[in-house]
Amino acid sequence: MRNEAVIGGRLAKRSALRYTPAGIPVVDFVIAHGSVQNEAGTKRKVQCDVDAVAVGELAVRIEKVKINQPLQVKGFLARNSVGNTKLLLRVTEIDSSSGAE
């Protein structure tokens, strides 16, 4: 089954870089997205904040992105944790070099 998400926006928030017990870097962040989308033949203004997490080299890259800088991320959706069913975007690719919006 397919589980893939791509979203562009701006880096709205970022936690401090932390490390797992195995020494792997992890960072939580929020992407603020705003766009106009077509839905049922009409235009809909869309604004949302997407909670995301980056692990490993991607976490180190996100730590270097400035707040409010445009970025586009690709990843998959998963539960935040075993006991928390809130969706979280687990990032597998980051593009902060182009206008993401």
C-alpha atoms as a PDB file:
ATOM      1  CA  MET A   1       0.000   0.000   0.000  1.00  0.00           C
ATOM      2  CA  ARG A   2       1.132   3.493  -0.745  1.00  0.00           C
ATOM      3  CA  ASN A   3       1.838   6.056   1.979  1.00  0.00           C
ATOM      4  CA  GLU A   4       3.586   9.093   0.584  1.00  0.00           C
ATOM      5  CA  ALA A   5       3.100  12.800   1.245  1.00  0.00           C
ATOM      6  CA  VAL A   6       4.728  15.895  -0.236  1.00  0.00           C
ATOM      7  CA  ILE A   7       4.100  19.370   1.131  1.00  0.00           C
ATOM      8  CA  GLY A   8       5.649  22.769   0.686  1.00  0.00           C
ATOM      9  CA  GLY A   9       5.526  25.651   3.061  1.00  0.00           C
ATOM     10  CA  ARG A  10       7.692  27.513   5.514  1.00  0.00           C
ATOM     11  CA  LEU A  11       9.499  26.271   8.570  1.00  0.00           C
ATOM     12  CA  ALA A  12       7.265  27.568  11.362  1.00  0.00           C
ATOM     13  CA  LYS A  13       8.794  25.907  14.443  1.00  0.00           C
ATOM     14  CA  ARG A  14      11.643  23.585  15.249  1.00  0.00           C
ATOM     15  CA  SER A  15      12.651  21.805  18.426  1.00  0.00           C
ATOM     16  CA  ALA A  16      16.232  21.545  19.586  1.00  0.00           C
ATOM     17  CA  LEU A  17      18.221  18.775  17.942  1.00  0.00           C
ATOM     18  CA  ARG A  18      18.269  15.735  20.215  1.00  0.00           C
ATOM     19  CA  TYR A  19      19.854  12.305  20.008  1.00  0.00           C
ATOM     20  CA  THR A  20      18.444   8.817  20.473  1.00  0.00           C
ATOM     21  CA  PRO A  21      20.233   6.454  22.902  1.00  0.00           C
ATOM     22  CA  ALA A  22      21.975   5.052  19.804  1.00  0.00           C
ATOM     23  CA  GLY A  23      23.318   8.540  18.996  1.00  0.00           C
ATOM     24  CA  ILE A  24      21.026   9.230  16.007  1.00  0.00           C
ATOM     25  CA  PRO A  25      20.001  12.904  15.617  1.00  0.00           C
ATOM     26  CA  VAL A  26      16.258  13.712  15.676  1.00  0.00           C
ATOM     27  CA  VAL A  27      14.387  17.000  15.296  1.00  0.00           C
ATOM     28  CA  ASP A  28      10.664  17.792  15.427  1.00  0.00           C
ATOM     29  CA  PHE A  29       9.374  20.688  13.357  1.00  0.00           C
ATOM     30  CA  VAL A  30       6.236  22.289  11.938  1.00  0.00           C
ATOM     31  CA  ILE A  31       5.631  23.261   8.319  1.00  0.00           C
ATOM     32  CA  ALA A  32       3.164  26.127   7.794  1.00  0.00           C
ATOM     33  CA  HIS A  33       1.426  25.603   4.447  1.00  0.00           C
ATOM     34  CA  GLY A  34      -0.760  28.037   2.532  1.00  0.00           C
ATOM     35  CA  SER A  35      -2.139  27.585  -0.995  1.00  0.00           C
ATOM     36  CA  VAL A  36      -5.206  27.597  -3.205  1.00  0.00           C
ATOM     37  CA  GLN A  37      -6.449  24.141  -4.236  1.00  0.00           C
ATOM     38  CA  ASN A  38      -9.185  22.974  -6.590  1.00  0.00           C
ATOM     39  CA  GLU A  39     -11.956  20.975  -4.947  1.00  0.00           C
ATOM     40  CA  ALA A  40     -15.104  19.851  -6.769  1.00  0.00           C
ATOM     41  CA  GLY A  41     -14.570  22.507  -9.419  1.00  0.00           C
ATOM     42  CA  THR A  42     -14.097  25.393  -7.002  1.00  0.00           C
ATOM     43  CA  LYS A  43     -11.036  27.026  -5.524  1.00  0.00           C
ATOM     44  CA  ARG A  44     -10.401  26.552  -1.831  1.00  0.00           C
ATOM     45  CA  LYS A  45      -7.907  28.538   0.214  1.00  0.00           C
ATOM     46  CA  VAL A  46      -5.945  26.086   2.338  1.00  0.00           C
ATOM     47  CA  GLN A  47      -3.877  26.828   5.406  1.00  0.00           C
ATOM     48  CA  CYS A  48      -2.520  24.199   7.750  1.00  0.00           C
ATOM     49  CA  ASP A  49       0.365  23.374  10.040  1.00  0.00           C
ATOM     50  CA  VAL A  50       1.922  19.957   9.578  1.00  0.00           C
ATOM     51  CA  ASP A  51       3.851  18.297  12.405  1.00  0.00           C
ATOM     52  CA  ALA A  52       6.936  16.525  11.106  1.00  0.00           C
ATOM     53  CA  VAL A  53      10.039  14.725  12.311  1.00  0.00           C
ATOM     54  CA  ALA A  54      13.404  14.237  10.646  1.00  0.00           C
ATOM     55  CA  VAL A  55      15.939  11.618  11.678  1.00  0.00           C
ATOM     56  CA  GLY A  56      19.639  11.191  10.933  1.00  0.00           C
ATOM     57  CA  GLU A  57      21.281  13.426   8.327  1.00  0.00           C
ATOM     58  CA  LEU A  58      17.896  15.016   7.548  1.00  0.00           C
ATOM     59  CA  ALA A  59      17.585  16.184  11.172  1.00  0.00           C
ATOM     60  CA  VAL A  60      20.958  17.906  10.907  1.00  0.00           C
ATOM     61  CA  ARG A  61      19.832  19.585   7.648  1.00  0.00           C
ATOM     62  CA  ILE A  62      16.551  20.846   9.180  1.00  0.00           C
ATOM     63  CA  GLU A  63      18.469  22.278  12.126  1.00  0.00           C
ATOM     64  CA  LYS A  64      20.282  24.558   9.640  1.00  0.00           C
ATOM     65  CA  VAL A  65      17.078  25.824   7.972  1.00  0.00           C
ATOM     66  CA  LYS A  66      16.063  29.278   9.181  1.00  0.00           C
ATOM     67  CA  ILE A  67      12.608  29.862  10.659  1.00  0.00           C
ATOM     68  CA  ASN A  68      10.197  31.111   7.939  1.00  0.00           C
ATOM     69  CA  GLN A  69      12.454  29.778   5.178  1.00  0.00           C
ATOM     70  CA  PRO A  70      10.537  27.995   2.374  1.00  0.00           C
ATOM     71  CA  LEU A  71      11.024  24.258   2.122  1.00  0.00           C
ATOM     72  CA  GLN A  72       9.417  21.221   0.595  1.00  0.00           C
ATOM     73  CA  VAL A  73       9.464  17.846   2.297  1.00  0.00           C
ATOM     74  CA  LYS A  74       8.506  14.346   1.269  1.00  0.00           C
ATOM     75  CA  GLY A  75       7.811  11.478   3.605  1.00  0.00           C
ATOM     76  CA  PHE A  76       5.173   9.156   4.988  1.00  0.00           C
ATOM     77  CA  LEU A  77       2.417   9.523   7.560  1.00  0.00           C
ATOM     78  CA  ALA A  78       2.503   7.548  10.802  1.00  0.00           C
ATOM     79  CA  ARG A  79       1.120   7.708  14.304  1.00  0.00           C
ATOM     80  CA  ASN A  80       2.986  10.113  16.527  1.00  0.00           C
ATOM     81  CA  SER A  81       3.635   7.261  18.980  1.00  0.00           C
ATOM     82  CA  VAL A  82       2.095   3.958  20.045  1.00  0.00           C
ATOM     83  CA  GLY A  83      -0.396   5.635  22.385  1.00  0.00           C
ATOM     84  CA  ASN A  84      -0.940   8.781  20.300  1.00  0.00           C
ATOM     85  CA  THR A  85      -2.921   8.412  17.055  1.00  0.00           C
ATOM     86  CA  LYS A  86      -2.206  11.993  15.886  1.00  0.00           C
ATOM     87  CA  LEU A  87      -0.609  11.914  12.434  1.00  0.00           C
ATOM     88  CA  LEU A  88       3.026  12.864  12.021  1.00  0.00           C
ATOM     89  CA  LEU A  89       4.921  13.345   8.758  1.00  0.00           C
ATOM     90  CA  ARG A  90       8.122  11.297   8.947  1.00  0.00           C
ATOM     91  CA  VAL A  91      10.437  13.020   6.498  1.00  0.00           C
ATOM     92  CA  THR A  92      12.500  11.116   3.931  1.00  0.00           C
ATOM     93  CA  GLU A  93      13.527  14.016   1.640  1.00  0.00           C
ATOM     94  CA  ILE A  94      14.038  17.770   2.103  1.00  0.00           C
ATOM     95  CA  ASP A  95      14.364  20.530  -0.477  1.00  0.00           C
ATOM     96  CA  SER A  96      15.091  23.935   1.041  1.00  0.00           C
ATOM     97  CA  SER A  97      16.818  25.332  -2.039  1.00  0.00           C
ATOM     98  CA  SER A  98      13.761  26.349  -4.066  1.00  0.00           C
ATOM     99  CA  GLY A  99      10.609  28.351  -3.443  1.00  0.00           C
ATOM    100  CA  ALA A 100       8.474  25.642  -1.882  1.00  0.00           C
ATOM    101  CA  GLU A 101       5.118  27.363  -1.919  1.00  0.00           C
END
